[in-house]
Amino acid sequence: MKLTDLLYLKSGRILMTGNPRRIARIILNEWARQGWKILAEGVPFQIEGEVFIGDPFKNPGFDVYLILNPLSRTGQEKERLHQWLTLNQDKLVVLYEHRYVGDSITRYAIKNFIDYLLAYRRETVDTERVNLYRLENGKVVESARLIRRR
């Protein structure tokens, strides 16, 4: 499994944790270049191309959805998100979380609703680590670790 595999997805739910701005920007820019319609709750980084801002729960018909901080929501908001994720399995959904969640994803109910977990962590000044997990039915079935040193 490679990070570039995410670029070629046609549908799926990706949880990106640890505030991976650079990686998320690359992926969303590529999808925008391909002409996909993107709806974002908010934009924590600049995206080239056309991006609409709005509530994903009230705006169907987009190819890609960017949802911010799914793990930081209240219980009722999480339940609403989980139902929405179940209904929109044919769409590309990026769940962008500012805080880091890696191996501890098993403690969160959202593990049953995501297909990929990208956990970004800056280790030291010159080292970044990305753990990429593919999940099926809430269980990790494949993983890869990428390390970038400057």
N, C-alpha and C. Protein backbone atom coordinates (compact mmCIF):
# COMPACT_ATOMS: atom_id res chain seq x y z
N MET A 1 0.85 -1.17 0.00
CA MET A 1 0.00 0.00 0.00
C MET A 1 0.90 1.24 0.00
N LYS A 2 0.56 2.17 -0.90
CA LYS A 2 1.33 3.40 -1.03
C LYS A 2 0.41 4.60 -0.82
N LEU A 3 1.01 5.70 -0.49
CA LEU A 3 0.27 6.94 -0.30
C LEU A 3 -0.41 7.38 -1.59
N THR A 4 0.22 7.11 -2.71
CA THR A 4 -0.35 7.50 -4.01
C THR A 4 -1.62 6.71 -4.33
N ASP A 5 -1.84 5.59 -3.67
CA ASP A 5 -3.08 4.83 -3.88
C ASP A 5 -4.31 5.67 -3.57
N LEU A 6 -4.17 6.59 -2.62
CA LEU A 6 -5.30 7.44 -2.23
C LEU A 6 -5.70 8.39 -3.37
N LEU A 7 -4.75 8.76 -4.21
CA LEU A 7 -5.05 9.68 -5.32
C LEU A 7 -6.01 9.08 -6.33
N TYR A 8 -6.00 7.76 -6.45
CA TYR A 8 -6.78 7.10 -7.50
C TYR A 8 -8.07 6.47 -7.00
N LEU A 9 -8.44 6.76 -5.77
CA LEU A 9 -9.71 6.26 -5.24
C LEU A 9 -10.87 6.91 -5.98
N LYS A 10 -11.92 6.18 -6.17
CA LYS A 10 -13.15 6.72 -6.76
C LYS A 10 -14.21 6.91 -5.68
N SER A 11 -14.10 6.15 -4.60
CA SER A 11 -14.99 6.29 -3.46
C SER A 11 -14.26 5.75 -2.23
N GLY A 12 -14.71 6.17 -1.07
CA GLY A 12 -14.11 5.70 0.16
C GLY A 12 -14.06 6.82 1.19
N ARG A 13 -13.76 6.43 2.42
CA ARG A 13 -13.70 7.38 3.52
C ARG A 13 -12.31 7.34 4.13
N ILE A 14 -11.64 8.48 4.11
CA ILE A 14 -10.27 8.59 4.58
C ILE A 14 -10.25 9.50 5.81
N LEU A 15 -9.74 8.98 6.92
CA LEU A 15 -9.55 9.78 8.12
C LEU A 15 -8.08 10.19 8.16
N MET A 16 -7.82 11.50 8.09
CA MET A 16 -6.46 12.03 8.17
C MET A 16 -6.31 12.69 9.52
N THR A 17 -5.34 12.23 10.32
CA THR A 17 -5.15 12.78 11.66
C THR A 17 -3.75 13.36 11.80
N GLY A 18 -3.59 14.23 12.78
CA GLY A 18 -2.29 14.83 13.05
C GLY A 18 -2.05 16.10 12.25
N ASN A 19 -3.10 16.67 11.68
CA ASN A 19 -3.01 17.92 10.93
C ASN A 19 -2.06 17.79 9.72
N PRO A 20 -2.30 16.83 8.83
CA PRO A 20 -1.40 16.61 7.69
C PRO A 20 -1.71 17.54 6.52
N ARG A 21 -1.52 18.82 6.71
CA ARG A 21 -1.90 19.82 5.70
C ARG A 21 -1.29 19.55 4.33
N ARG A 22 0.00 19.32 4.30
CA ARG A 22 0.69 19.17 3.01
C ARG A 22 0.15 17.98 2.23
N ILE A 23 -0.03 16.86 2.87
CA ILE A 23 -0.53 15.65 2.20
C ILE A 23 -1.97 15.85 1.76
N ALA A 24 -2.80 16.38 2.63
CA ALA A 24 -4.21 16.60 2.29
C ALA A 24 -4.33 17.59 1.13
N ARG A 25 -3.52 18.62 1.14
CA ARG A 25 -3.56 19.61 0.06
C ARG A 25 -3.19 18.97 -1.28
N ILE A 26 -2.16 18.13 -1.30
CA ILE A 26 -1.75 17.45 -2.53
C ILE A 26 -2.89 16.58 -3.07
N ILE A 27 -3.49 15.80 -2.20
CA ILE A 27 -4.56 14.89 -2.62
C ILE A 27 -5.78 15.66 -3.11
N LEU A 28 -6.23 16.66 -2.36
CA LEU A 28 -7.41 17.42 -2.77
C LEU A 28 -7.15 18.25 -4.03
N ASN A 29 -5.93 18.78 -4.18
CA ASN A 29 -5.60 19.50 -5.40
C ASN A 29 -5.65 18.58 -6.62
N GLU A 30 -5.20 17.37 -6.46
CA GLU A 30 -5.24 16.42 -7.58
C GLU A 30 -6.68 16.09 -7.96
N TRP A 31 -7.53 15.89 -6.98
CA TRP A 31 -8.94 15.61 -7.27
C TRP A 31 -9.60 16.82 -7.93
N ALA A 32 -9.25 18.03 -7.49
CA ALA A 32 -9.80 19.24 -8.10
C ALA A 32 -9.32 19.36 -9.55
N ARG A 33 -8.05 19.02 -9.81
CA ARG A 33 -7.52 19.04 -11.17
C ARG A 33 -8.24 18.07 -12.08
N GLN A 34 -8.70 16.97 -11.52
CA GLN A 34 -9.44 15.97 -12.30
C GLN A 34 -10.87 16.41 -12.56
N GLY A 35 -11.25 17.55 -12.01
CA GLY A 35 -12.57 18.10 -12.26
C GLY A 35 -13.64 17.65 -11.29
N TRP A 36 -13.25 17.08 -10.17
CA TRP A 36 -14.21 16.62 -9.19
C TRP A 36 -14.75 17.81 -8.42
N LYS A 37 -16.04 17.78 -8.13
CA LYS A 37 -16.67 18.84 -7.33
C LYS A 37 -16.42 18.56 -5.85
N ILE A 38 -15.81 19.53 -5.15
CA ILE A 38 -15.43 19.36 -3.75
C ILE A 38 -16.25 20.30 -2.88
N LEU A 39 -16.82 19.73 -1.82
CA LEU A 39 -17.53 20.52 -0.81
C LEU A 39 -16.78 20.38 0.51
N ALA A 40 -16.44 21.49 1.12
CA ALA A 40 -15.69 21.47 2.38
C ALA A 40 -16.48 22.21 3.46
N GLU A 41 -16.44 21.68 4.68
CA GLU A 41 -17.03 22.39 5.82
C GLU A 41 -16.27 23.68 6.08
N GLY A 42 -15.00 23.63 5.86
CA GLY A 42 -14.09 24.75 6.01
C GLY A 42 -12.81 24.34 5.34
N VAL A 43 -11.91 25.28 5.12
CA VAL A 43 -10.67 24.94 4.44
C VAL A 43 -9.50 25.32 5.35
N PRO A 44 -8.86 24.31 5.99
CA PRO A 44 -7.74 24.60 6.89
C PRO A 44 -6.43 24.87 6.16
N PHE A 45 -6.45 24.80 4.82
CA PHE A 45 -5.28 25.04 3.98
C PHE A 45 -5.80 25.46 2.61
N GLN A 46 -4.92 26.01 1.80
CA GLN A 46 -5.33 26.50 0.49
C GLN A 46 -5.43 25.34 -0.50
N ILE A 47 -6.53 25.32 -1.25
CA ILE A 47 -6.74 24.32 -2.28
C ILE A 47 -6.86 25.05 -3.61
N GLU A 48 -6.07 24.61 -4.58
CA GLU A 48 -6.16 25.18 -5.92
C GLU A 48 -7.35 24.54 -6.61
N GLY A 49 -8.06 25.31 -7.37
CA GLY A 49 -9.23 24.78 -8.03
C GLY A 49 -10.49 25.18 -7.29
N GLU A 50 -11.61 24.73 -7.82
CA GLU A 50 -12.90 25.13 -7.28
C GLU A 50 -13.31 24.26 -6.09
N VAL A 51 -13.56 24.93 -4.97
CA VAL A 51 -14.01 24.27 -3.75
C VAL A 51 -15.20 25.04 -3.22
N PHE A 52 -16.26 24.33 -2.92
CA PHE A 52 -17.45 24.95 -2.34
C PHE A 52 -17.40 24.79 -0.83
N ILE A 53 -17.88 25.78 -0.11
CA ILE A 53 -17.93 25.75 1.34
C ILE A 53 -19.39 25.57 1.73
N GLY A 54 -19.67 24.60 2.62
CA GLY A 54 -21.04 24.38 3.05
C GLY A 54 -21.16 23.18 3.97
N ASP A 55 -22.37 22.89 4.34
CA ASP A 55 -22.68 21.77 5.22
C ASP A 55 -22.84 20.50 4.38
N PRO A 56 -21.99 19.52 4.57
CA PRO A 56 -22.08 18.30 3.75
C PRO A 56 -23.38 17.51 3.98
N PHE A 57 -23.98 17.68 5.15
CA PHE A 57 -25.20 16.94 5.46
C PHE A 57 -26.40 17.47 4.70
N LYS A 58 -26.31 18.72 4.24
CA LYS A 58 -27.44 19.36 3.55
C LYS A 58 -27.20 19.56 2.07
N ASN A 59 -26.04 19.16 1.55
CA ASN A 59 -25.69 19.43 0.16
C ASN A 59 -25.26 18.15 -0.56
N PRO A 60 -26.19 17.39 -1.08
CA PRO A 60 -25.82 16.20 -1.84
C PRO A 60 -25.34 16.58 -3.24
N GLY A 61 -24.77 15.64 -3.93
CA GLY A 61 -24.39 15.86 -5.32
C GLY A 61 -22.95 16.24 -5.56
N PHE A 62 -22.11 16.19 -4.56
CA PHE A 62 -20.69 16.48 -4.74
C PHE A 62 -19.92 15.17 -4.85
N ASP A 63 -18.75 15.24 -5.47
CA ASP A 63 -17.91 14.06 -5.65
C ASP A 63 -17.03 13.80 -4.42
N VAL A 64 -16.57 14.89 -3.80
CA VAL A 64 -15.65 14.80 -2.66
C VAL A 64 -16.16 15.71 -1.55
N TYR A 65 -16.09 15.21 -0.32
CA TYR A 65 -16.48 16.00 0.85
C TYR A 65 -15.29 16.08 1.80
N LEU A 66 -15.05 17.27 2.35
CA LEU A 66 -14.03 17.48 3.36
C LEU A 66 -14.73 17.87 4.66
N ILE A 67 -14.61 16.99 5.66
CA ILE A 67 -15.27 17.21 6.96
C ILE A 67 -14.18 17.40 8.00
N LEU A 68 -14.31 18.47 8.78
CA LEU A 68 -13.28 18.83 9.75
C LEU A 68 -13.58 18.29 11.14
N ASN A 69 -12.54 17.84 11.81
CA ASN A 69 -12.54 17.41 13.21
C ASN A 69 -13.70 16.48 13.58
N PRO A 70 -13.80 15.32 12.93
CA PRO A 70 -14.90 14.40 13.24
C PRO A 70 -14.81 13.78 14.64
N LEU A 71 -13.61 13.67 15.20
CA LEU A 71 -13.46 13.05 16.51
C LEU A 71 -13.73 14.02 17.65
N SER A 72 -13.78 15.30 17.35
CA SER A 72 -13.97 16.32 18.38
C SER A 72 -15.43 16.75 18.51
N ARG A 73 -16.33 16.06 17.88
CA ARG A 73 -17.75 16.42 17.90
C ARG A 73 -18.45 15.82 19.11
N THR A 74 -19.61 16.38 19.44
CA THR A 74 -20.41 15.85 20.54
C THR A 74 -21.04 14.52 20.13
N GLY A 75 -21.60 13.81 21.08
CA GLY A 75 -22.20 12.50 20.81
C GLY A 75 -23.27 12.51 19.74
N GLN A 76 -24.16 13.49 19.80
CA GLN A 76 -25.24 13.57 18.82
C GLN A 76 -24.70 13.92 17.43
N GLU A 77 -23.71 14.80 17.36
CA GLU A 77 -23.10 15.15 16.09
C GLU A 77 -22.35 13.96 15.49
N LYS A 78 -21.69 13.17 16.34
CA LYS A 78 -20.99 11.98 15.87
C LYS A 78 -21.97 10.97 15.29
N GLU A 79 -23.09 10.78 15.95
CA GLU A 79 -24.11 9.84 15.47
C GLU A 79 -24.64 10.28 14.10
N ARG A 80 -24.88 11.56 13.96
CA ARG A 80 -25.34 12.10 12.68
C ARG A 80 -24.29 11.88 11.59
N LEU A 81 -23.02 12.10 11.92
CA LEU A 81 -21.93 11.88 10.98
C LEU A 81 -21.84 10.41 10.58
N HIS A 82 -21.95 9.51 11.54
CA HIS A 82 -21.87 8.08 11.25
C HIS A 82 -23.00 7.64 10.32
N GLN A 83 -24.19 8.14 10.54
CA GLN A 83 -25.32 7.82 9.65
C GLN A 83 -25.07 8.37 8.25
N TRP A 84 -24.56 9.58 8.16
CA TRP A 84 -24.28 10.19 6.87
C TRP A 84 -23.20 9.40 6.12
N LEU A 85 -22.15 8.96 6.84
CA LEU A 85 -21.09 8.17 6.22
C LEU A 85 -21.63 6.85 5.68
N THR A 86 -22.55 6.24 6.39
CA THR A 86 -23.16 5.00 5.94
C THR A 86 -23.95 5.21 4.65
N LEU A 87 -24.66 6.31 4.56
CA LEU A 87 -25.48 6.61 3.38
C LEU A 87 -24.65 7.06 2.18
N ASN A 88 -23.45 7.55 2.39
CA ASN A 88 -22.63 8.11 1.31
C ASN A 88 -21.37 7.29 1.05
N GLN A 89 -21.51 5.98 1.00
CA GLN A 89 -20.37 5.11 0.76
C GLN A 89 -19.84 5.21 -0.66
N ASP A 90 -20.64 5.73 -1.58
CA ASP A 90 -20.21 5.84 -2.97
C ASP A 90 -19.46 7.14 -3.26
N LYS A 91 -19.26 7.97 -2.26
CA LYS A 91 -18.56 9.25 -2.41
C LYS A 91 -17.16 9.16 -1.79
N LEU A 92 -16.31 10.10 -2.18
CA LEU A 92 -15.02 10.25 -1.53
C LEU A 92 -15.19 11.21 -0.38
N VAL A 93 -14.85 10.80 0.81
CA VAL A 93 -15.00 11.63 2.00
C VAL A 93 -13.66 11.68 2.71
N VAL A 94 -13.16 12.91 2.93
CA VAL A 94 -11.94 13.11 3.69
C VAL A 94 -12.36 13.69 5.04
N LEU A 95 -12.05 12.96 6.09
CA LEU A 95 -12.31 13.41 7.46
C LEU A 95 -10.98 13.91 8.00
N TYR A 96 -10.87 15.20 8.22
CA TYR A 96 -9.60 15.84 8.58
C TYR A 96 -9.62 16.21 10.06
N GLU A 97 -8.78 15.53 10.82
CA GLU A 97 -8.71 15.74 12.27
C GLU A 97 -7.38 16.40 12.63
N HIS A 98 -7.45 17.48 13.43
CA HIS A 98 -6.23 18.18 13.81
C HIS A 98 -5.38 17.39 14.80
N ARG A 99 -6.00 16.66 15.69
CA ARG A 99 -5.20 15.92 16.67
C ARG A 99 -4.79 14.57 16.10
N TYR A 100 -3.74 14.01 16.67
CA TYR A 100 -3.17 12.76 16.17
C TYR A 100 -3.90 11.54 16.75
N VAL A 101 -4.25 10.63 15.88
CA VAL A 101 -4.78 9.33 16.28
C VAL A 101 -4.12 8.30 15.36
N GLY A 102 -3.44 7.37 15.94
CA GLY A 102 -2.78 6.33 15.16
C GLY A 102 -3.35 4.97 15.51
N ASP A 103 -2.55 4.17 16.18
CA ASP A 103 -2.98 2.83 16.58
C ASP A 103 -4.18 2.84 17.51
N SER A 104 -4.43 3.96 18.16
CA SER A 104 -5.55 4.03 19.10
C SER A 104 -6.90 4.20 18.40
N ILE A 105 -6.93 4.10 17.08
CA ILE A 105 -8.19 4.24 16.35
C ILE A 105 -9.21 3.20 16.81
N THR A 106 -8.75 2.09 17.34
CA THR A 106 -9.67 1.03 17.77
C THR A 106 -10.56 1.46 18.92
N ARG A 107 -10.20 2.55 19.61
CA ARG A 107 -11.04 3.05 20.71
C ARG A 107 -12.19 3.92 20.23
N TYR A 108 -12.19 4.29 18.96
CA TYR A 108 -13.19 5.20 18.43
C TYR A 108 -14.21 4.46 17.56
N ALA A 109 -15.46 4.84 17.69
CA ALA A 109 -16.53 4.21 16.91
C ALA A 109 -16.39 4.49 15.42
N ILE A 110 -15.72 5.56 15.06
CA ILE A 110 -15.59 5.91 13.65
C ILE A 110 -14.78 4.88 12.86
N LYS A 111 -14.06 4.03 13.56
CA LYS A 111 -13.27 2.99 12.89
C LYS A 111 -14.14 2.10 12.01
N ASN A 112 -15.41 1.96 12.35
CA ASN A 112 -16.32 1.12 11.57
C ASN A 112 -16.84 1.81 10.32
N PHE A 113 -16.56 3.10 10.17
CA PHE A 113 -17.10 3.87 9.05
C PHE A 113 -16.03 4.37 8.09
N ILE A 114 -14.75 4.08 8.36
CA ILE A 114 -13.69 4.56 7.49
C ILE A 114 -13.01 3.40 6.77
N ASP A 115 -12.41 3.73 5.63
CA ASP A 115 -11.69 2.74 4.84
C ASP A 115 -10.19 2.89 4.99
N TYR A 116 -9.74 4.13 5.22
CA TYR A 116 -8.31 4.41 5.35
C TYR A 116 -8.09 5.36 6.52
N LEU A 117 -6.97 5.16 7.19
CA LEU A 117 -6.51 6.08 8.24
C LEU A 117 -5.11 6.51 7.87
N LEU A 118 -4.92 7.82 7.74
CA LEU A 118 -3.61 8.39 7.49
C LEU A 118 -3.24 9.16 8.75
N ALA A 119 -2.25 8.67 9.48
CA ALA A 119 -1.84 9.28 10.75
C ALA A 119 -0.49 9.95 10.55
N TYR A 120 -0.49 11.27 10.59
CA TYR A 120 0.72 12.07 10.36
C TYR A 120 1.29 12.54 11.69
N ARG A 121 2.60 12.44 11.81
CA ARG A 121 3.25 12.93 13.04
C ARG A 121 4.63 13.49 12.69
N ARG A 122 4.85 14.68 13.17
CA ARG A 122 6.17 15.29 13.03
C ARG A 122 7.00 14.81 14.22
N GLU A 123 8.04 14.03 13.95
CA GLU A 123 8.84 13.43 15.02
C GLU A 123 9.85 14.40 15.60
N THR A 124 10.68 14.96 14.75
CA THR A 124 11.67 15.95 15.18
C THR A 124 11.64 17.07 14.15
N VAL A 125 12.57 17.98 14.26
CA VAL A 125 12.60 19.11 13.34
C VAL A 125 12.75 18.64 11.90
N ASP A 126 13.50 17.59 11.66
CA ASP A 126 13.78 17.15 10.29
C ASP A 126 13.12 15.83 9.90
N THR A 127 12.24 15.30 10.71
CA THR A 127 11.64 13.99 10.41
C THR A 127 10.13 14.03 10.55
N GLU A 128 9.47 13.47 9.56
CA GLU A 128 8.02 13.32 9.59
C GLU A 128 7.68 11.85 9.36
N ARG A 129 6.63 11.38 10.03
CA ARG A 129 6.22 9.99 9.89
C ARG A 129 4.75 9.94 9.51
N VAL A 130 4.44 9.10 8.55
CA VAL A 130 3.06 8.89 8.12
C VAL A 130 2.78 7.40 8.22
N ASN A 131 1.77 7.05 9.00
CA ASN A 131 1.30 5.67 9.06
C ASN A 131 0.00 5.61 8.27
N LEU A 132 -0.07 4.70 7.34
CA LEU A 132 -1.24 4.54 6.50
C LEU A 132 -1.84 3.17 6.77
N TYR A 133 -3.11 3.15 7.12
CA TYR A 133 -3.81 1.91 7.45
C TYR A 133 -5.01 1.75 6.53
N ARG A 134 -5.25 0.54 6.07
CA ARG A 134 -6.49 0.24 5.36
C ARG A 134 -7.33 -0.60 6.30
N LEU A 135 -8.59 -0.19 6.49
CA LEU A 135 -9.47 -0.86 7.43
C LEU A 135 -10.64 -1.51 6.69
N GLU A 136 -11.07 -2.63 7.20
CA GLU A 136 -12.29 -3.29 6.75
C GLU A 136 -13.06 -3.71 7.99
N ASN A 137 -14.30 -3.29 8.07
CA ASN A 137 -15.16 -3.60 9.22
C ASN A 137 -14.52 -3.22 10.55
N GLY A 138 -13.82 -2.10 10.57
CA GLY A 138 -13.22 -1.60 11.80
C GLY A 138 -11.92 -2.25 12.19
N LYS A 139 -11.37 -3.12 11.34
CA LYS A 139 -10.11 -3.80 11.66
C LYS A 139 -9.05 -3.46 10.62
N VAL A 140 -7.84 -3.29 11.07
CA VAL A 140 -6.73 -2.98 10.18
C VAL A 140 -6.37 -4.24 9.40
N VAL A 141 -6.40 -4.16 8.07
CA VAL A 141 -6.06 -5.30 7.23
C VAL A 141 -4.74 -5.10 6.49
N GLU A 142 -4.29 -3.85 6.43
CA GLU A 142 -3.03 -3.56 5.75
C GLU A 142 -2.48 -2.26 6.32
N SER A 143 -1.16 -2.17 6.43
CA SER A 143 -0.58 -0.93 6.94
C SER A 143 0.78 -0.69 6.28
N ALA A 144 1.17 0.58 6.30
CA ALA A 144 2.46 0.97 5.76
C ALA A 144 2.97 2.16 6.57
N ARG A 145 4.27 2.24 6.74
CA ARG A 145 4.88 3.35 7.47
C ARG A 145 5.83 4.06 6.51
N LEU A 146 5.66 5.36 6.42
CA LEU A 146 6.50 6.18 5.55
C LEU A 146 7.22 7.20 6.41
N ILE A 147 8.51 7.35 6.19
CA ILE A 147 9.30 8.32 6.96
C ILE A 147 9.97 9.25 5.98
N ARG A 148 9.85 10.53 6.27
CA ARG A 148 10.47 11.56 5.43
C ARG A 148 11.49 12.32 6.27
N ARG A 149 12.73 12.32 5.78
CA ARG A 149 13.79 13.08 6.45
C ARG A 149 14.29 14.12 5.46
N ARG A 150 14.56 15.28 5.97
CA ARG A 150 15.07 16.36 5.11
C ARG A 150 16.57 16.36 5.07
